[in-house]
Amino acid sequence: MKVAVYPGTFDPITLGHIDIIRRGAHLVDQLVVGVTTNPSKEPMFSVEERLEMVRREVADLNAIIAEHAPDEPIG
């Protein structure tokens, strides 16, 4: 199973983001869209609002998972 992760703030989600998501969905079995925060930016929308926007835009695609990706260091 091929899985890919597309992280970003998506604040707000743009047509460019949606294009990348749609193209990526055809290349893998599962695409995880990780909605994260950027501590150096003041967001326009809350994480919950951004998740809802992403989920609404990709509702017609199979194998897309939109989840909150906390901005924690790895390791």
PDB file of N, CA and C in Angstrom:
ATOM      1  N   MET A   1       0.847  -1.177   0.000  1.00  0.00           N
ATOM      2  CA  MET A   1       0.000   0.000   0.000  1.00  0.00           C
ATOM      3  C   MET A   1       0.889   1.235   0.000  1.00  0.00           C
ATOM      4  N   LYS A   2       0.663   2.124  -0.950  1.00  0.00           N
ATOM      5  CA  LYS A   2       1.410   3.383  -1.011  1.00  0.00           C
ATOM      6  C   LYS A   2       0.630   4.472  -0.284  1.00  0.00           C
ATOM      7  N   VAL A   3       1.310   5.120   0.680  1.00  0.00           N
ATOM      8  CA  VAL A   3       0.698   6.185   1.474  1.00  0.00           C
ATOM      9  C   VAL A   3       1.574   7.423   1.351  1.00  0.00           C
ATOM     10  N   ALA A   4       0.950   8.582   1.197  1.00  0.00           N
ATOM     11  CA  ALA A   4       1.674   9.850   1.147  1.00  0.00           C
ATOM     12  C   ALA A   4       1.055  10.813   2.146  1.00  0.00           C
ATOM     13  N   VAL A   5       1.874  11.762   2.594  1.00  0.00           N
ATOM     14  CA  VAL A   5       1.411  12.794   3.531  1.00  0.00           C
ATOM     15  C   VAL A   5       1.643  14.151   2.884  1.00  0.00           C
ATOM     16  N   TYR A   6       0.630  14.985   2.914  1.00  0.00           N
ATOM     17  CA  TYR A   6       0.724  16.357   2.403  1.00  0.00           C
ATOM     18  C   TYR A   6       0.429  17.293   3.575  1.00  0.00           C
ATOM     19  N   PRO A   7       1.476  17.788   4.249  1.00  0.00           N
ATOM     20  CA  PRO A   7       1.264  18.686   5.385  1.00  0.00           C
ATOM     21  C   PRO A   7       1.183  20.145   4.936  1.00  0.00           C
ATOM     22  N   GLY A   8       0.453  20.934   5.695  1.00  0.00           N
ATOM     23  CA  GLY A   8       0.377  22.361   5.426  1.00  0.00           C
ATOM     24  C   GLY A   8      -0.570  23.041   6.390  1.00  0.00           C
ATOM     25  N   THR A   9      -0.528  24.371   6.376  1.00  0.00           N
ATOM     26  CA  THR A   9      -1.450  25.108   7.235  1.00  0.00           C
ATOM     27  C   THR A   9      -2.826  25.235   6.594  1.00  0.00           C
ATOM     28  N   PHE A  10      -2.873  25.310   5.268  1.00  0.00           N
ATOM     29  CA  PHE A  10      -4.142  25.409   4.537  1.00  0.00           C
ATOM     30  C   PHE A  10      -5.022  26.507   5.135  1.00  0.00           C
ATOM     31  N   ASP A  11      -4.441  27.690   5.251  1.00  0.00           N
ATOM     32  CA  ASP A  11      -5.101  28.812   5.937  1.00  0.00           C
ATOM     33  C   ASP A  11      -5.234  30.020   5.018  1.00  0.00           C
ATOM     34  N   PRO A  12      -6.207  29.989   4.138  1.00  0.00           N
ATOM     35  CA  PRO A  12      -7.197  28.956   3.856  1.00  0.00           C
ATOM     36  C   PRO A  12      -6.687  28.000   2.775  1.00  0.00           C
ATOM     37  N   ILE A  13      -7.456  26.944   2.530  1.00  0.00           N
ATOM     38  CA  ILE A  13      -7.121  26.034   1.441  1.00  0.00           C
ATOM     39  C   ILE A  13      -7.361  26.779   0.129  1.00  0.00           C
ATOM     40  N   THR A  14      -6.454  26.599  -0.816  1.00  0.00           N
ATOM     41  CA  THR A  14      -6.545  27.310  -2.095  1.00  0.00           C
ATOM     42  C   THR A  14      -6.788  26.324  -3.239  1.00  0.00           C
ATOM     43  N   LEU A  15      -7.057  26.872  -4.412  1.00  0.00           N
ATOM     44  CA  LEU A  15      -7.227  26.026  -5.590  1.00  0.00           C
ATOM     45  C   LEU A  15      -5.937  25.260  -5.886  1.00  0.00           C
ATOM     46  N   GLY A  16      -4.796  25.866  -5.606  1.00  0.00           N
ATOM     47  CA  GLY A  16      -3.522  25.178  -5.789  1.00  0.00           C
ATOM     48  C   GLY A  16      -3.381  23.987  -4.866  1.00  0.00           C
ATOM     49  N   HIS A  17      -3.774  24.145  -3.605  1.00  0.00           N
ATOM     50  CA  HIS A  17      -3.756  23.026  -2.655  1.00  0.00           C
ATOM     51  C   HIS A  17      -4.668  21.896  -3.151  1.00  0.00           C
ATOM     52  N   ILE A  18      -5.862  22.261  -3.574  1.00  0.00           N
ATOM     53  CA  ILE A  18      -6.831  21.265  -4.024  1.00  0.00           C
ATOM     54  C   ILE A  18      -6.302  20.532  -5.250  1.00  0.00           C
ATOM     55  N   ASP A  19      -5.659  21.249  -6.148  1.00  0.00           N
ATOM     56  CA  ASP A  19      -5.071  20.626  -7.337  1.00  0.00           C
ATOM     57  C   ASP A  19      -4.020  19.587  -6.943  1.00  0.00           C
ATOM     58  N   ILE A  20      -3.145  19.942  -6.013  1.00  0.00           N
ATOM     59  CA  ILE A  20      -2.108  19.008  -5.564  1.00  0.00           C
ATOM     60  C   ILE A  20      -2.735  17.791  -4.893  1.00  0.00           C
ATOM     61  N   ILE A  21      -3.759  18.009  -4.072  1.00  0.00           N
ATOM     62  CA  ILE A  21      -4.435  16.902  -3.400  1.00  0.00           C
ATOM     63  C   ILE A  21      -5.066  15.965  -4.425  1.00  0.00           C
ATOM     64  N   ARG A  22      -5.758  16.532  -5.400  1.00  0.00           N
ATOM     65  CA  ARG A  22      -6.425  15.709  -6.416  1.00  0.00           C
ATOM     66  C   ARG A  22      -5.412  14.938  -7.259  1.00  0.00           C
ATOM     67  N   ARG A  23      -4.319  15.579  -7.632  1.00  0.00           N
ATOM     68  CA  ARG A  23      -3.287  14.885  -8.410  1.00  0.00           C
ATOM     69  C   ARG A  23      -2.626  13.791  -7.572  1.00  0.00           C
ATOM     70  N   GLY A  24      -2.317  14.105  -6.329  1.00  0.00           N
ATOM     71  CA  GLY A  24      -1.674  13.136  -5.448  1.00  0.00           C
ATOM     72  C   GLY A  24      -2.543  11.932  -5.156  1.00  0.00           C
ATOM     73  N   ALA A  25      -3.838  12.149  -5.091  1.00  0.00           N
ATOM     74  CA  ALA A  25      -4.762  11.052  -4.793  1.00  0.00           C
ATOM     75  C   ALA A  25      -4.706   9.959  -5.852  1.00  0.00           C
ATOM     76  N   HIS A  26      -4.330  10.316  -7.061  1.00  0.00           N
ATOM     77  CA  HIS A  26      -4.247   9.332  -8.147  1.00  0.00           C
ATOM     78  C   HIS A  26      -2.922   8.575  -8.141  1.00  0.00           C
ATOM     79  N   LEU A  27      -1.967   9.035  -7.360  1.00  0.00           N
ATOM     80  CA  LEU A  27      -0.639   8.423  -7.348  1.00  0.00           C
ATOM     81  C   LEU A  27      -0.436   7.426  -6.217  1.00  0.00           C
ATOM     82  N   VAL A  28      -1.282   7.491  -5.194  1.00  0.00           N
ATOM     83  CA  VAL A  28      -1.106   6.650  -4.007  1.00  0.00           C
ATOM     84  C   VAL A  28      -2.425   5.981  -3.632  1.00  0.00           C
ATOM     85  N   ASP A  29      -2.312   4.997  -2.739  1.00  0.00           N
ATOM     86  CA  ASP A  29      -3.513   4.318  -2.257  1.00  0.00           C
ATOM     87  C   ASP A  29      -4.233   5.133  -1.187  1.00  0.00           C
ATOM     88  N   GLN A  30      -3.449   5.902  -0.418  1.00  0.00           N
ATOM     89  CA  GLN A  30      -4.031   6.729   0.646  1.00  0.00           C
ATOM     90  C   GLN A  30      -3.210   8.011   0.764  1.00  0.00           C
ATOM     91  N   LEU A  31      -3.897   9.142   0.792  1.00  0.00           N
ATOM     92  CA  LEU A  31      -3.246  10.441   0.956  1.00  0.00           C
ATOM     93  C   LEU A  31      -3.737  11.058   2.255  1.00  0.00           C
ATOM     94  N   VAL A  32      -2.805  11.338   3.146  1.00  0.00           N
ATOM     95  CA  VAL A  32      -3.129  11.971   4.421  1.00  0.00           C
ATOM     96  C   VAL A  32      -2.819  13.460   4.284  1.00  0.00           C
ATOM     97  N   VAL A  33      -3.823  14.296   4.451  1.00  0.00           N
ATOM     98  CA  VAL A  33      -3.640  15.750   4.434  1.00  0.00           C
ATOM     99  C   VAL A  33      -3.515  16.173   5.889  1.00  0.00           C
ATOM    100  N   GLY A  34      -2.318  16.588   6.271  1.00  0.00           N
ATOM    101  CA  GLY A  34      -2.043  16.980   7.647  1.00  0.00           C
ATOM    102  C   GLY A  34      -2.175  18.479   7.819  1.00  0.00           C
ATOM    103  N   VAL A  35      -3.222  18.902   8.486  1.00  0.00           N
ATOM    104  CA  VAL A  35      -3.459  20.331   8.745  1.00  0.00           C
ATOM    105  C   VAL A  35      -2.697  20.702  10.007  1.00  0.00           C
ATOM    106  N   THR A  36      -1.748  21.589   9.872  1.00  0.00           N
ATOM    107  CA  THR A  36      -0.880  21.944  10.989  1.00  0.00           C
ATOM    108  C   THR A  36      -0.912  23.446  11.254  1.00  0.00           C
ATOM    109  N   THR A  37      -0.146  23.872  12.210  1.00  0.00           N
ATOM    110  CA  THR A  37      -0.041  25.293  12.538  1.00  0.00           C
ATOM    111  C   THR A  37       1.386  25.748  12.292  1.00  0.00           C
ATOM    112  N   ASN A  38       1.535  27.036  12.114  1.00  0.00           N
ATOM    113  CA  ASN A  38       2.850  27.640  11.967  1.00  0.00           C
ATOM    114  C   ASN A  38       2.967  28.682  13.075  1.00  0.00           C
ATOM    115  N   PRO A  39       3.822  28.430  14.068  1.00  0.00           N
ATOM    116  CA  PRO A  39       3.901  29.354  15.205  1.00  0.00           C
ATOM    117  C   PRO A  39       4.353  30.763  14.827  1.00  0.00           C
ATOM    118  N   SER A  40       4.935  30.929  13.650  1.00  0.00           N
ATOM    119  CA  SER A  40       5.385  32.265  13.253  1.00  0.00           C
ATOM    120  C   SER A  40       4.304  33.039  12.494  1.00  0.00           C
ATOM    121  N   LYS A  41       3.123  32.433  12.316  1.00  0.00           N
ATOM    122  CA  LYS A  41       2.020  33.100  11.614  1.00  0.00           C
ATOM    123  C   LYS A  41       0.797  33.191  12.511  1.00  0.00           C
ATOM    124  N   GLU A  42       0.011  34.207  12.298  1.00  0.00           N
ATOM    125  CA  GLU A  42      -1.269  34.371  12.989  1.00  0.00           C
ATOM    126  C   GLU A  42      -2.356  33.832  12.059  1.00  0.00           C
ATOM    127  N   PRO A  43      -2.980  32.700  12.398  1.00  0.00           N
ATOM    128  CA  PRO A  43      -3.942  32.084  11.471  1.00  0.00           C
ATOM    129  C   PRO A  43      -5.226  32.893  11.320  1.00  0.00           C
ATOM    130  N   MET A  44      -5.799  32.807  10.115  1.00  0.00           N
ATOM    131  CA  MET A  44      -7.107  33.418   9.854  1.00  0.00           C
ATOM    132  C   MET A  44      -8.225  32.533  10.398  1.00  0.00           C
ATOM    133  N   PHE A  45      -8.003  31.213  10.327  1.00  0.00           N
ATOM    134  CA  PHE A  45      -9.021  30.243  10.725  1.00  0.00           C
ATOM    135  C   PHE A  45      -8.449  29.291  11.763  1.00  0.00           C
ATOM    136  N   SER A  46      -9.317  28.754  12.603  1.00  0.00           N
ATOM    137  CA  SER A  46      -8.881  27.776  13.599  1.00  0.00           C
ATOM    138  C   SER A  46      -8.544  26.457  12.893  1.00  0.00           C
ATOM    139  N   VAL A  47      -7.860  25.571  13.597  1.00  0.00           N
ATOM    140  CA  VAL A  47      -7.538  24.253  13.041  1.00  0.00           C
ATOM    141  C   VAL A  47      -8.823  23.526  12.663  1.00  0.00           C
ATOM    142  N   GLU A  48      -9.830  23.600  13.498  1.00  0.00           N
ATOM    143  CA  GLU A  48     -11.093  22.916  13.239  1.00  0.00           C
ATOM    144  C   GLU A  48     -11.752  23.446  11.967  1.00  0.00           C
ATOM    145  N   GLU A  49     -11.720  24.769  11.787  1.00  0.00           N
ATOM    146  CA  GLU A  49     -12.308  25.366  10.578  1.00  0.00           C
ATOM    147  C   GLU A  49     -11.528  24.936   9.332  1.00  0.00           C
ATOM    148  N   ARG A  50     -10.195  24.910   9.427  1.00  0.00           N
ATOM    149  CA  ARG A  50      -9.373  24.499   8.285  1.00  0.00           C
ATOM    150  C   ARG A  50      -9.584  23.031   7.951  1.00  0.00           C
ATOM    151  N   LEU A  51      -9.708  22.183   8.977  1.00  0.00           N
ATOM    152  CA  LEU A  51     -10.001  20.764   8.730  1.00  0.00           C
ATOM    153  C   LEU A  51     -11.337  20.619   8.007  1.00  0.00           C
ATOM    154  N   GLU A  52     -12.326  21.349   8.446  1.00  0.00           N
ATOM    155  CA  GLU A  52     -13.641  21.284   7.811  1.00  0.00           C
ATOM    156  C   GLU A  52     -13.555  21.737   6.350  1.00  0.00           C
ATOM    157  N   MET A  53     -12.799  22.804   6.078  1.00  0.00           N
ATOM    158  CA  MET A  53     -12.645  23.276   4.699  1.00  0.00           C
ATOM    159  C   MET A  53     -11.998  22.207   3.826  1.00  0.00           C
ATOM    160  N   VAL A  54     -10.920  21.596   4.331  1.00  0.00           N
ATOM    161  CA  VAL A  54     -10.224  20.558   3.571  1.00  0.00           C
ATOM    162  C   VAL A  54     -11.160  19.380   3.334  1.00  0.00           C
ATOM    163  N   ARG A  55     -11.819  18.922   4.373  1.00  0.00           N
ATOM    164  CA  ARG A  55     -12.715  17.766   4.247  1.00  0.00           C
ATOM    165  C   ARG A  55     -13.850  18.041   3.256  1.00  0.00           C
ATOM    166  N   ARG A  56     -14.380  19.247   3.280  1.00  0.00           N
ATOM    167  CA  ARG A  56     -15.462  19.608   2.357  1.00  0.00           C
ATOM    168  C   ARG A  56     -14.967  19.573   0.909  1.00  0.00           C
ATOM    169  N   GLU A  57     -13.752  20.075   0.680  1.00  0.00           N
ATOM    170  CA  GLU A  57     -13.217  20.149  -0.680  1.00  0.00           C
ATOM    171  C   GLU A  57     -12.828  18.791  -1.254  1.00  0.00           C
ATOM    172  N   VAL A  58     -12.518  17.826  -0.411  1.00  0.00           N
ATOM    173  CA  VAL A  58     -12.079  16.512  -0.906  1.00  0.00           C
ATOM    174  C   VAL A  58     -13.113  15.419  -0.633  1.00  0.00           C
ATOM    175  N   ALA A  59     -14.316  15.794  -0.282  1.00  0.00           N
ATOM    176  CA  ALA A  59     -15.354  14.825   0.082  1.00  0.00           C
ATOM    177  C   ALA A  59     -15.654  13.840  -1.049  1.00  0.00           C
ATOM    178  N   ASP A  60     -15.453  14.253  -2.291  1.00  0.00           N
ATOM    179  CA  ASP A  60     -15.759  13.380  -3.424  1.00  0.00           C
ATOM    180  C   ASP A  60     -14.623  12.412  -3.767  1.00  0.00           C
ATOM    181  N   LEU A  61     -13.496  12.522  -3.075  1.00  0.00           N
ATOM    182  CA  LEU A  61     -12.349  11.666  -3.349  1.00  0.00           C
ATOM    183  C   LEU A  61     -12.260  10.536  -2.329  1.00  0.00           C
ATOM    184  N   ASN A  62     -11.949   9.357  -2.799  1.00  0.00           N
ATOM    185  CA  ASN A  62     -11.735   8.218  -1.901  1.00  0.00           C
ATOM    186  C   ASN A  62     -10.299   8.226  -1.420  1.00  0.00           C
ATOM    187  N   ALA A  63     -10.060   7.601  -0.308  1.00  0.00           N
ATOM    188  CA  ALA A  63      -8.706   7.385   0.231  1.00  0.00           C
ATOM    189  C   ALA A  63      -7.998   8.667   0.648  1.00  0.00           C
ATOM    190  N   ILE A  64      -8.763   9.702   0.982  1.00  0.00           N
ATOM    191  CA  ILE A  64      -8.182  10.942   1.494  1.00  0.00           C
ATOM    192  C   ILE A  64      -8.546  11.051   2.968  1.00  0.00           C
ATOM    193  N   ILE A  65      -7.543  11.283   3.793  1.00  0.00           N
ATOM    194  CA  ILE A  65      -7.757  11.462   5.221  1.00  0.00           C
ATOM    195  C   ILE A  65      -7.234  12.841   5.588  1.00  0.00           C
ATOM    196  N   ALA A  66      -8.067  13.665   6.189  1.00  0.00           N
ATOM    197  CA  ALA A  66      -7.641  14.985   6.658  1.00  0.00           C
ATOM    198  C   ALA A  66      -7.621  14.946   8.178  1.00  0.00           C
ATOM    199  N   GLU A  67      -6.454  15.201   8.741  1.00  0.00           N
ATOM    200  CA  GLU A  67      -6.277  15.146  10.187  1.00  0.00           C
ATOM    201  C   GLU A  67      -5.435  16.326  10.658  1.00  0.00           C
ATOM    202  N   HIS A  68      -5.568  16.658  11.940  1.00  0.00           N
ATOM    203  CA  HIS A  68      -4.727  17.679  12.537  1.00  0.00           C
ATOM    204  C   HIS A  68      -3.333  17.088  12.750  1.00  0.00           C
ATOM    205  N   ALA A  69      -2.325  17.805  12.321  1.00  0.00           N
ATOM    206  CA  ALA A  69      -0.928  17.376  12.499  1.00  0.00           C
ATOM    207  C   ALA A  69      -0.268  18.355  13.471  1.00  0.00           C
ATOM    208  N   PRO A  70      -0.184  17.996  14.727  1.00  0.00           N
ATOM    209  CA  PRO A  70       0.419  18.902  15.719  1.00  0.00           C
ATOM    210  C   PRO A  70       1.841  19.274  15.335  1.00  0.00           C
ATOM    211  N   ASP A  71       2.219  20.489  15.662  1.00  0.00           N
ATOM    212  CA  ASP A  71       3.553  20.979  15.310  1.00  0.00           C
ATOM    213  C   ASP A  71       4.562  20.611  16.397  1.00  0.00           C
ATOM    214  N   GLU A  72       4.755  19.311  16.596  1.00  0.00           N
ATOM    215  CA  GLU A  72       5.704  18.827  17.587  1.00  0.00           C
ATOM    216  C   GLU A  72       6.953  18.317  16.874  1.00  0.00           C
ATOM    217  N   PRO A  73       8.121  18.560  17.434  1.00  0.00           N
ATOM    218  CA  PRO A  73       9.335  18.064  16.816  1.00  0.00           C
ATOM    219  C   PRO A  73       9.382  16.540  16.808  1.00  0.00           C
ATOM    220  N   ILE A  74       9.991  15.997  15.777  1.00  0.00           N
ATOM    221  CA  ILE A  74      10.144  14.547  15.664  1.00  0.00           C
ATOM    222  C   ILE A  74      11.460  14.135  16.304  1.00  0.00           C
ATOM    223  N   GLY A  75      11.423  13.081  17.108  1.00  0.00           N
ATOM    224  CA  GLY A  75      12.656  12.540  17.658  1.00  0.00           C
ATOM    225  C   GLY A  75      12.854  12.784  19.107  1.00  0.00           C
TER     226      GLY A  75
END
